[in-house]
Amino acid sequence: MEDKFDLILTAIKELSSEVSAIKSDVHLLKEGQERIEKRLDSIDNKIAGIPDSYENLENFVGKQQRIIDELSARSVEHGVEIKTLNKIVRNQ
């Protein structure tokens, strides 16, 4: 009878050890899940900021394009003025 109790006690100890190992594994899985959730939150925040960044970039590019257009128009205008001045100088 005592042998049976020893076997049962040994089995209970083994089960207890296995349960402890499973608890440890579950704890590690929970920690990993928390890290993944934090990374996902960070990614979500970055993704949420993309439309604003894109809009700012569009505005910046639009301003730069207007400046380029204005400078281009001035360049053409100045080119015409230089040609006119050259004609005046040649005709004198």
PDB file of N, CA and C in Angstrom:
ATOM      1  N   MET A   1       0.812  -1.190   0.000  1.00  0.00           N
ATOM      2  CA  MET A   1       0.000   0.000   0.000  1.00  0.00           C
ATOM      3  C   MET A   1       0.859   1.259   0.000  1.00  0.00           C
ATOM      4  N   GLU A   2       1.920   1.158   0.804  1.00  0.00           N
ATOM      5  CA  GLU A   2       2.812   2.321   0.887  1.00  0.00           C
ATOM      6  C   GLU A   2       3.475   2.596  -0.453  1.00  0.00           C
ATOM      7  N   ASP A   3       3.753   1.550  -1.216  1.00  0.00           N
ATOM      8  CA  ASP A   3       4.347   1.720  -2.548  1.00  0.00           C
ATOM      9  C   ASP A   3       3.407   2.493  -3.468  1.00  0.00           C
ATOM     10  N   LYS A   4       2.117   2.214  -3.354  1.00  0.00           N
ATOM     11  CA  LYS A   4       1.151   2.925  -4.184  1.00  0.00           C
ATOM     12  C   LYS A   4       1.132   4.411  -3.833  1.00  0.00           C
ATOM     13  N   PHE A   5       1.188   4.672  -2.525  1.00  0.00           N
ATOM     14  CA  PHE A   5       1.209   6.079  -2.108  1.00  0.00           C
ATOM     15  C   PHE A   5       2.467   6.785  -2.598  1.00  0.00           C
ATOM     16  N   ASP A   6       3.580   6.075  -2.548  1.00  0.00           N
ATOM     17  CA  ASP A   6       4.833   6.652  -3.054  1.00  0.00           C
ATOM     18  C   ASP A   6       4.733   6.930  -4.548  1.00  0.00           C
ATOM     19  N   LEU A   7       4.134   6.000  -5.283  1.00  0.00           N
ATOM     20  CA  LEU A   7       3.948   6.202  -6.725  1.00  0.00           C
ATOM     21  C   LEU A   7       3.036   7.400  -6.991  1.00  0.00           C
ATOM     22  N   ILE A   8       1.955   7.469  -6.207  1.00  0.00           N
ATOM     23  CA  ILE A   8       1.023   8.595  -6.370  1.00  0.00           C
ATOM     24  C   ILE A   8       1.730   9.903  -6.027  1.00  0.00           C
ATOM     25  N   LEU A   9       2.492   9.907  -4.952  1.00  0.00           N
ATOM     26  CA  LEU A   9       3.222  11.109  -4.540  1.00  0.00           C
ATOM     27  C   LEU A   9       4.237  11.511  -5.600  1.00  0.00           C
ATOM     28  N   THR A  10       4.931  10.555  -6.168  1.00  0.00           N
ATOM     29  CA  THR A  10       5.895  10.830  -7.234  1.00  0.00           C
ATOM     30  C   THR A  10       5.182  11.399  -8.456  1.00  0.00           C
ATOM     31  N   ALA A  11       4.051  10.814  -8.803  1.00  0.00           N
ATOM     32  CA  ALA A  11       3.281  11.301  -9.951  1.00  0.00           C
ATOM     33  C   ALA A  11       2.796  12.721  -9.701  1.00  0.00           C
ATOM     34  N   ILE A  12       2.346  12.990  -8.481  1.00  0.00           N
ATOM     35  CA  ILE A  12       1.885  14.346  -8.145  1.00  0.00           C
ATOM     36  C   ILE A  12       3.042  15.336  -8.241  1.00  0.00           C
ATOM     37  N   LYS A  13       4.213  14.955  -7.771  1.00  0.00           N
ATOM     38  CA  LYS A  13       5.382  15.834  -7.857  1.00  0.00           C
ATOM     39  C   LYS A  13       5.751  16.112  -9.310  1.00  0.00           C
ATOM     40  N   GLU A  14       5.694  15.073 -10.145  1.00  0.00           N
ATOM     41  CA  GLU A  14       5.993  15.248 -11.569  1.00  0.00           C
ATOM     42  C   GLU A  14       4.976  16.184 -12.220  1.00  0.00           C
ATOM     43  N   LEU A  15       3.707  15.966 -11.887  1.00  0.00           N
ATOM     44  CA  LEU A  15       2.660  16.842 -12.424  1.00  0.00           C
ATOM     45  C   LEU A  15       2.859  18.280 -11.954  1.00  0.00           C
ATOM     46  N   SER A  16       3.218  18.433 -10.701  1.00  0.00           N
ATOM     47  CA  SER A  16       3.456  19.768 -10.153  1.00  0.00           C
ATOM     48  C   SER A  16       4.611  20.443 -10.882  1.00  0.00           C
ATOM     49  N   SER A  17       5.650  19.683 -11.160  1.00  0.00           N
ATOM     50  CA  SER A  17       6.799  20.211 -11.896  1.00  0.00           C
ATOM     51  C   SER A  17       6.391  20.607 -13.310  1.00  0.00           C
ATOM     52  N   GLU A  18       5.590  19.759 -13.947  1.00  0.00           N
ATOM     53  CA  GLU A  18       5.125  20.059 -15.304  1.00  0.00           C
ATOM     54  C   GLU A  18       4.215  21.287 -15.313  1.00  0.00           C
ATOM     55  N   VAL A  19       3.361  21.404 -14.309  1.00  0.00           N
ATOM     56  CA  VAL A  19       2.477  22.572 -14.208  1.00  0.00           C
ATOM     57  C   VAL A  19       3.316  23.836 -14.022  1.00  0.00           C
ATOM     58  N   SER A  20       4.355  23.753 -13.211  1.00  0.00           N
ATOM     59  CA  SER A  20       5.237  24.909 -13.011  1.00  0.00           C
ATOM     60  C   SER A  20       5.909  25.308 -14.320  1.00  0.00           C
ATOM     61  N   ALA A  21       6.348  24.318 -15.086  1.00  0.00           N
ATOM     62  CA  ALA A  21       6.981  24.602 -16.377  1.00  0.00           C
ATOM     63  C   ALA A  21       5.976  25.243 -17.329  1.00  0.00           C
ATOM     64  N   ILE A  22       4.748  24.736 -17.323  1.00  0.00           N
ATOM     65  CA  ILE A  22       3.704  25.307 -18.186  1.00  0.00           C
ATOM     66  C   ILE A  22       3.403  26.742 -17.764  1.00  0.00           C
ATOM     67  N   LYS A  23       3.325  26.985 -16.456  1.00  0.00           N
ATOM     68  CA  LYS A  23       3.086  28.347 -15.968  1.00  0.00           C
ATOM     69  C   LYS A  23       4.200  29.282 -16.422  1.00  0.00           C
ATOM     70  N   SER A  24       5.424  28.799 -16.356  1.00  0.00           N
ATOM     71  CA  SER A  24       6.565  29.608 -16.802  1.00  0.00           C
ATOM     72  C   SER A  24       6.457  29.916 -18.291  1.00  0.00           C
ATOM     73  N   ASP A  25       6.098  28.896 -19.071  1.00  0.00           N
ATOM     74  CA  ASP A  25       5.930  29.095 -20.518  1.00  0.00           C
ATOM     75  C   ASP A  25       4.813  30.091 -20.810  1.00  0.00           C
ATOM     76  N   VAL A  26       3.707  29.965 -20.090  1.00  0.00           N
ATOM     77  CA  VAL A  26       2.578  30.888 -20.279  1.00  0.00           C
ATOM     78  C   VAL A  26       3.012  32.309 -19.932  1.00  0.00           C
ATOM     79  N   HIS A  27       3.778  32.448 -18.862  1.00  0.00           N
ATOM     80  CA  HIS A  27       4.274  33.775 -18.468  1.00  0.00           C
ATOM     81  C   HIS A  27       5.145  34.372 -19.577  1.00  0.00           C
ATOM     82  N   LEU A  28       6.033  33.564 -20.133  1.00  0.00           N
ATOM     83  CA  LEU A  28       6.883  34.042 -21.226  1.00  0.00           C
ATOM     84  C   LEU A  28       6.054  34.418 -22.451  1.00  0.00           C
ATOM     85  N   LEU A  29       5.038  33.623 -22.739  1.00  0.00           N
ATOM     86  CA  LEU A  29       4.155  33.931 -23.868  1.00  0.00           C
ATOM     87  C   LEU A  29       3.415  35.248 -23.642  1.00  0.00           C
ATOM     88  N   LYS A  30       2.955  35.470 -22.421  1.00  0.00           N
ATOM     89  CA  LYS A  30       2.260  36.726 -22.107  1.00  0.00           C
ATOM     90  C   LYS A  30       3.200  37.920 -22.271  1.00  0.00           C
ATOM     91  N   GLU A  31       4.441  37.769 -21.803  1.00  0.00           N
ATOM     92  CA  GLU A  31       5.414  38.857 -21.965  1.00  0.00           C
ATOM     93  C   GLU A  31       5.666  39.138 -23.441  1.00  0.00           C
ATOM     94  N   GLY A  32       5.809  38.073 -24.218  1.00  0.00           N
ATOM     95  CA  GLY A  32       6.014  38.240 -25.657  1.00  0.00           C
ATOM     96  C   GLY A  32       4.821  38.907 -26.311  1.00  0.00           C
ATOM     97  N   GLN A  33       3.636  38.514 -25.897  1.00  0.00           N
ATOM     98  CA  GLN A  33       2.423  39.119 -26.448  1.00  0.00           C
ATOM     99  C   GLN A  33       2.369  40.606 -26.103  1.00  0.00           C
ATOM    100  N   GLU A  34       2.742  40.967 -24.879  1.00  0.00           N
ATOM    101  CA  GLU A  34       2.754  42.380 -24.480  1.00  0.00           C
ATOM    102  C   GLU A  34       3.735  43.173 -25.340  1.00  0.00           C
ATOM    103  N   ARG A  35       4.912  42.593 -25.607  1.00  0.00           N
ATOM    104  CA  ARG A  35       5.893  43.283 -26.459  1.00  0.00           C
ATOM    105  C   ARG A  35       5.332  43.477 -27.868  1.00  0.00           C
ATOM    106  N   ILE A  36       4.686  42.441 -28.378  1.00  0.00           N
ATOM    107  CA  ILE A  36       4.101  42.536 -29.724  1.00  0.00           C
ATOM    108  C   ILE A  36       3.005  43.594 -29.750  1.00  0.00           C
ATOM    109  N   GLU A  37       2.170  43.630 -28.717  1.00  0.00           N
ATOM    110  CA  GLU A  37       1.097  44.624 -28.659  1.00  0.00           C
ATOM    111  C   GLU A  37       1.663  46.041 -28.601  1.00  0.00           C
ATOM    112  N   LYS A  38       2.757  46.226 -27.856  1.00  0.00           N
ATOM    113  CA  LYS A  38       3.389  47.552 -27.807  1.00  0.00           C
ATOM    114  C   LYS A  38       3.924  47.942 -29.183  1.00  0.00           C
ATOM    115  N   ARG A  39       4.539  46.985 -29.863  1.00  0.00           N
ATOM    116  CA  ARG A  39       5.047  47.262 -31.211  1.00  0.00           C
ATOM    117  C   ARG A  39       3.903  47.601 -32.160  1.00  0.00           C
ATOM    118  N   LEU A  40       2.805  46.869 -32.047  1.00  0.00           N
ATOM    119  CA  LEU A  40       1.645  47.142 -32.895  1.00  0.00           C
ATOM    120  C   LEU A  40       1.079  48.532 -32.615  1.00  0.00           C
ATOM    121  N   ASP A  41       1.033  48.911 -31.335  1.00  0.00           N
ATOM    122  CA  ASP A  41       0.563  50.256 -30.991  1.00  0.00           C
ATOM    123  C   ASP A  41       1.469  51.304 -31.615  1.00  0.00           C
ATOM    124  N   SER A  42       2.770  51.068 -31.543  1.00  0.00           N
ATOM    125  CA  SER A  42       3.728  52.002 -32.138  1.00  0.00           C
ATOM    126  C   SER A  42       3.528  52.092 -33.648  1.00  0.00           C
ATOM    127  N   ILE A  43       3.344  50.954 -34.280  1.00  0.00           N
ATOM    128  CA  ILE A  43       3.112  50.931 -35.733  1.00  0.00           C
ATOM    129  C   ILE A  43       1.804  51.634 -36.072  1.00  0.00           C
ATOM    130  N   ASP A  44       0.760  51.373 -35.281  1.00  0.00           N
ATOM    131  CA  ASP A  44      -0.531  52.034 -35.514  1.00  0.00           C
ATOM    132  C   ASP A  44      -0.397  53.547 -35.408  1.00  0.00           C
ATOM    133  N   ASN A  45       0.358  54.009 -34.406  1.00  0.00           N
ATOM    134  CA  ASN A  45       0.562  55.454 -34.247  1.00  0.00           C
ATOM    135  C   ASN A  45       1.302  56.035 -35.445  1.00  0.00           C
ATOM    136  N   LYS A  46       2.300  55.315 -35.924  1.00  0.00           N
ATOM    137  CA  LYS A  46       3.046  55.794 -37.088  1.00  0.00           C
ATOM    138  C   LYS A  46       2.160  55.818 -38.324  1.00  0.00           C
ATOM    139  N   ILE A  47       1.368  54.790 -38.497  1.00  0.00           N
ATOM    140  CA  ILE A  47       0.466  54.731 -39.652  1.00  0.00           C
ATOM    141  C   ILE A  47      -0.566  55.849 -39.574  1.00  0.00           C
ATOM    142  N   ALA A  48      -1.055  56.122 -38.372  1.00  0.00           N
ATOM    143  CA  ALA A  48      -2.054  57.177 -38.201  1.00  0.00           C
ATOM    144  C   ALA A  48      -1.472  58.542 -38.561  1.00  0.00           C
ATOM    145  N   GLY A  49      -0.162  58.720 -38.385  1.00  0.00           N
ATOM    146  CA  GLY A  49       0.473  59.998 -38.687  1.00  0.00           C
ATOM    147  C   GLY A  49       0.813  60.190 -40.154  1.00  0.00           C
ATOM    148  N   ILE A  50       0.725  59.134 -40.944  1.00  0.00           N
ATOM    149  CA  ILE A  50       1.097  59.226 -42.362  1.00  0.00           C
ATOM    150  C   ILE A  50       0.244  60.234 -43.126  1.00  0.00           C
ATOM    151  N   PRO A  51      -1.091  60.239 -42.978  1.00  0.00           N
ATOM    152  CA  PRO A  51      -1.875  61.219 -43.748  1.00  0.00           C
ATOM    153  C   PRO A  51      -1.470  62.666 -43.470  1.00  0.00           C
ATOM    154  N   ASP A  52      -1.208  62.993 -42.202  1.00  0.00           N
ATOM    155  CA  ASP A  52      -0.781  64.355 -41.871  1.00  0.00           C
ATOM    156  C   ASP A  52       0.573  64.664 -42.496  1.00  0.00           C
ATOM    157  N   SER A  53       1.498  63.715 -42.393  1.00  0.00           N
ATOM    158  CA  SER A  53       2.820  63.920 -42.984  1.00  0.00           C
ATOM    159  C   SER A  53       2.716  64.069 -44.493  1.00  0.00           C
ATOM    160  N   TYR A  54       1.863  63.258 -45.107  1.00  0.00           N
ATOM    161  CA  TYR A  54       1.682  63.316 -46.551  1.00  0.00           C
ATOM    162  C   TYR A  54       1.085  64.658 -46.958  1.00  0.00           C
ATOM    163  N   GLU A  55       0.102  65.127 -46.188  1.00  0.00           N
ATOM    164  CA  GLU A  55      -0.519  66.420 -46.491  1.00  0.00           C
ATOM    165  C   GLU A  55       0.511  67.541 -46.359  1.00  0.00           C
ATOM    166  N   ASN A  56       1.332  67.491 -45.310  1.00  0.00           N
ATOM    167  CA  ASN A  56       2.381  68.497 -45.137  1.00  0.00           C
ATOM    168  C   ASN A  56       3.360  68.459 -46.302  1.00  0.00           C
ATOM    169  N   LEU A  57       3.705  67.263 -46.743  1.00  0.00           N
ATOM    170  CA  LEU A  57       4.622  67.114 -47.870  1.00  0.00           C
ATOM    171  C   LEU A  57       3.996  67.669 -49.146  1.00  0.00           C
ATOM    172  N   GLU A  58       2.720  67.379 -49.361  1.00  0.00           N
ATOM    173  CA  GLU A  58       2.034  67.921 -50.537  1.00  0.00           C
ATOM    174  C   GLU A  58       2.034  69.446 -50.512  1.00  0.00           C
ATOM    175  N   ASN A  59       1.757  70.030 -49.342  1.00  0.00           N
ATOM    176  CA  ASN A  59       1.766  71.490 -49.217  1.00  0.00           C
ATOM    177  C   ASN A  59       3.151  72.052 -49.511  1.00  0.00           C
ATOM    178  N   PHE A  60       4.178  71.410 -48.968  1.00  0.00           N
ATOM    179  CA  PHE A  60       5.547  71.870 -49.181  1.00  0.00           C
ATOM    180  C   PHE A  60       5.912  71.806 -50.662  1.00  0.00           C
ATOM    181  N   VAL A  61       5.594  70.683 -51.288  1.00  0.00           N
ATOM    182  CA  VAL A  61       5.903  70.515 -52.713  1.00  0.00           C
ATOM    183  C   VAL A  61       5.127  71.535 -53.536  1.00  0.00           C
ATOM    184  N   GLY A  62       3.879  71.801 -53.163  1.00  0.00           N
ATOM    185  CA  GLY A  62       3.083  72.800 -53.869  1.00  0.00           C
ATOM    186  C   GLY A  62       3.708  74.180 -53.778  1.00  0.00           C
ATOM    187  N   LYS A  63       4.171  74.542 -52.592  1.00  0.00           N
ATOM    188  CA  LYS A  63       4.837  75.846 -52.419  1.00  0.00           C
ATOM    189  C   LYS A  63       6.113  75.910 -53.250  1.00  0.00           C
ATOM    190  N   GLN A  64       6.878  74.836 -53.217  1.00  0.00           N
ATOM    191  CA  GLN A  64       8.119  74.805 -53.988  1.00  0.00           C
ATOM    192  C   GLN A  64       7.829  74.915 -55.486  1.00  0.00           C
ATOM    193  N   GLN A  65       6.764  74.261 -55.938  1.00  0.00           N
ATOM    194  CA  GLN A  65       6.408  74.327 -57.356  1.00  0.00           C
ATOM    195  C   GLN A  65       6.004  75.743 -57.739  1.00  0.00           C
ATOM    196  N   ARG A  66       5.263  76.426 -56.865  1.00  0.00           N
ATOM    197  CA  ARG A  66       4.884  77.817 -57.152  1.00  0.00           C
ATOM    198  C   ARG A  66       6.117  78.710 -57.232  1.00  0.00           C
ATOM    199  N   ILE A  67       7.085  78.480 -56.350  1.00  0.00           N
ATOM    200  CA  ILE A  67       8.325  79.261 -56.380  1.00  0.00           C
ATOM    201  C   ILE A  67       9.076  78.991 -57.680  1.00  0.00           C
ATOM    202  N   ILE A  68       9.158  77.726 -58.063  1.00  0.00           N
ATOM    203  CA  ILE A  68       9.844  77.369 -59.316  1.00  0.00           C
ATOM    204  C   ILE A  68       9.145  78.021 -60.500  1.00  0.00           C
ATOM    205  N   ASP A  69       7.819  77.976 -60.515  1.00  0.00           N
ATOM    206  CA  ASP A  69       7.068  78.607 -61.609  1.00  0.00           C
ATOM    207  C   ASP A  69       7.335  80.108 -61.664  1.00  0.00           C
ATOM    208  N   GLU A  70       7.350  80.745 -60.492  1.00  0.00           N
ATOM    209  CA  GLU A  70       7.597  82.192 -60.442  1.00  0.00           C
ATOM    210  C   GLU A  70       9.010  82.521 -60.909  1.00  0.00           C
ATOM    211  N   LEU A  71       9.977  81.757 -60.446  1.00  0.00           N
ATOM    212  CA  LEU A  71      11.363  81.996 -60.861  1.00  0.00           C
ATOM    213  C   LEU A  71      11.540  81.733 -62.353  1.00  0.00           C
ATOM    214  N   SER A  72      10.861  80.731 -62.858  1.00  0.00           N
ATOM    215  CA  SER A  72      10.928  80.432 -64.287  1.00  0.00           C
ATOM    216  C   SER A  72      10.351  81.587 -65.099  1.00  0.00           C
ATOM    217  N   ALA A  73       9.208  82.109 -64.654  1.00  0.00           N
ATOM    218  CA  ALA A  73       8.593  83.243 -65.355  1.00  0.00           C
ATOM    219  C   ALA A  73       9.512  84.458 -65.312  1.00  0.00           C
ATOM    220  N   ARG A  74      10.125  84.698 -64.164  1.00  0.00           N
ATOM    221  CA  ARG A  74      11.056  85.831 -64.048  1.00  0.00           C
ATOM    222  C   ARG A  74      12.251  85.637 -64.976  1.00  0.00           C
ATOM    223  N   SER A  75      12.732  84.404 -65.043  1.00  0.00           N
ATOM    224  CA  SER A  75      13.878  84.119 -65.898  1.00  0.00           C
ATOM    225  C   SER A  75      13.545  84.421 -67.354  1.00  0.00           C
ATOM    226  N   VAL A  76      12.367  83.998 -67.791  1.00  0.00           N
ATOM    227  CA  VAL A  76      11.943  84.282 -69.169  1.00  0.00           C
ATOM    228  C   VAL A  76      11.822  85.788 -69.363  1.00  0.00           C
ATOM    229  N   GLU A  77      11.216  86.454 -68.395  1.00  0.00           N
ATOM    230  CA  GLU A  77      11.048  87.913 -68.467  1.00  0.00           C
ATOM    231  C   GLU A  77      12.403  88.613 -68.521  1.00  0.00           C
ATOM    232  N   HIS A  78      13.318  88.186 -67.694  1.00  0.00           N
ATOM    233  CA  HIS A  78      14.652  88.795 -67.692  1.00  0.00           C
ATOM    234  C   HIS A  78      15.386  88.504 -68.992  1.00  0.00           C
ATOM    235  N   GLY A  79      15.175  87.309 -69.527  1.00  0.00           N
ATOM    236  CA  GLY A  79      15.795  86.978 -70.818  1.00  0.00           C
ATOM    237  C   GLY A  79      15.314  87.923 -71.906  1.00  0.00           C
ATOM    238  N   VAL A  80      14.029  88.214 -71.910  1.00  0.00           N
ATOM    239  CA  VAL A  80      13.470  89.147 -72.897  1.00  0.00           C
ATOM    240  C   VAL A  80      14.055  90.540 -72.683  1.00  0.00           C
ATOM    241  N   GLU A  81      14.156  90.960 -71.422  1.00  0.00           N
ATOM    242  CA  GLU A  81      14.715  92.280 -71.123  1.00  0.00           C
ATOM    243  C   GLU A  81      16.178  92.364 -71.561  1.00  0.00           C
ATOM    244  N   ILE A  82      16.929  91.300 -71.353  1.00  0.00           N
ATOM    245  CA  ILE A  82      18.338  91.293 -71.767  1.00  0.00           C
ATOM    246  C   ILE A  82      18.441  91.395 -73.281  1.00  0.00           C
ATOM    247  N   LYS A  83      17.595  90.659 -73.998  1.00  0.00           N
ATOM    248  CA  LYS A  83      17.606  90.752 -75.465  1.00  0.00           C
ATOM    249  C   LYS A  83      17.263  92.166 -75.914  1.00  0.00           C
ATOM    250  N   THR A  84      16.286  92.762 -75.261  1.00  0.00           N
ATOM    251  CA  THR A  84      15.896  94.134 -75.607  1.00  0.00           C
ATOM    252  C   THR A  84      17.048  95.091 -75.351  1.00  0.00           C
ATOM    253  N   LEU A  85      17.711  94.948 -74.210  1.00  0.00           N
ATOM    254  CA  LEU A  85      18.850  95.816 -73.889  1.00  0.00           C
ATOM    255  C   LEU A  85      19.995  95.597 -74.878  1.00  0.00           C
ATOM    256  N   ASN A  86      20.236  94.356 -75.254  1.00  0.00           N
ATOM    257  CA  ASN A  86      21.287  94.068 -76.238  1.00  0.00           C
ATOM    258  C   ASN A  86      20.975  94.733 -77.573  1.00  0.00           C
ATOM    259  N   LYS A  87      19.721  94.706 -77.995  1.00  0.00           N
ATOM    260  CA  LYS A  87      19.333  95.369 -79.245  1.00  0.00           C
ATOM    261  C   LYS A  87      19.549  96.872 -79.147  1.00  0.00           C
ATOM    262  N   ILE A  88      19.193  97.441 -77.997  1.00  0.00           N
ATOM    263  CA  ILE A  88      19.370  98.886 -77.804  1.00  0.00           C
ATOM    264  C   ILE A  88      20.848  99.236 -77.865  1.00  0.00           C
ATOM    265  N   VAL A  89      21.687  98.436 -77.188  1.00  0.00           N
ATOM    266  CA  VAL A  89      23.130  98.704 -77.167  1.00  0.00           C
ATOM    267  C   VAL A  89      23.709  98.561 -78.565  1.00  0.00           C
ATOM    268  N   ARG A  90      23.306  97.583 -79.318  1.00  0.00           N
ATOM    269  CA  ARG A  90      23.822  97.366 -80.674  1.00  0.00           C
ATOM    270  C   ARG A  90      23.385  98.490 -81.623  1.00  0.00           C
ATOM    271  N   ASN A  91      22.216  99.011 -81.407  1.00  0.00           N
ATOM    272  CA  ASN A  91      21.689 100.051 -82.293  1.00  0.00           C
ATOM    273  C   ASN A  91      22.276 101.429 -81.988  1.00  0.00           C
ATOM    274  N   GLN A  92      22.980 101.610 -80.929  1.00  0.00           N
ATOM    275  CA  GLN A  92      23.516 102.935 -80.599  1.00  0.00           C
ATOM    276  C   GLN A  92      24.802 103.200 -81.295  1.00  0.00           C
TER     277      GLN A  92
END
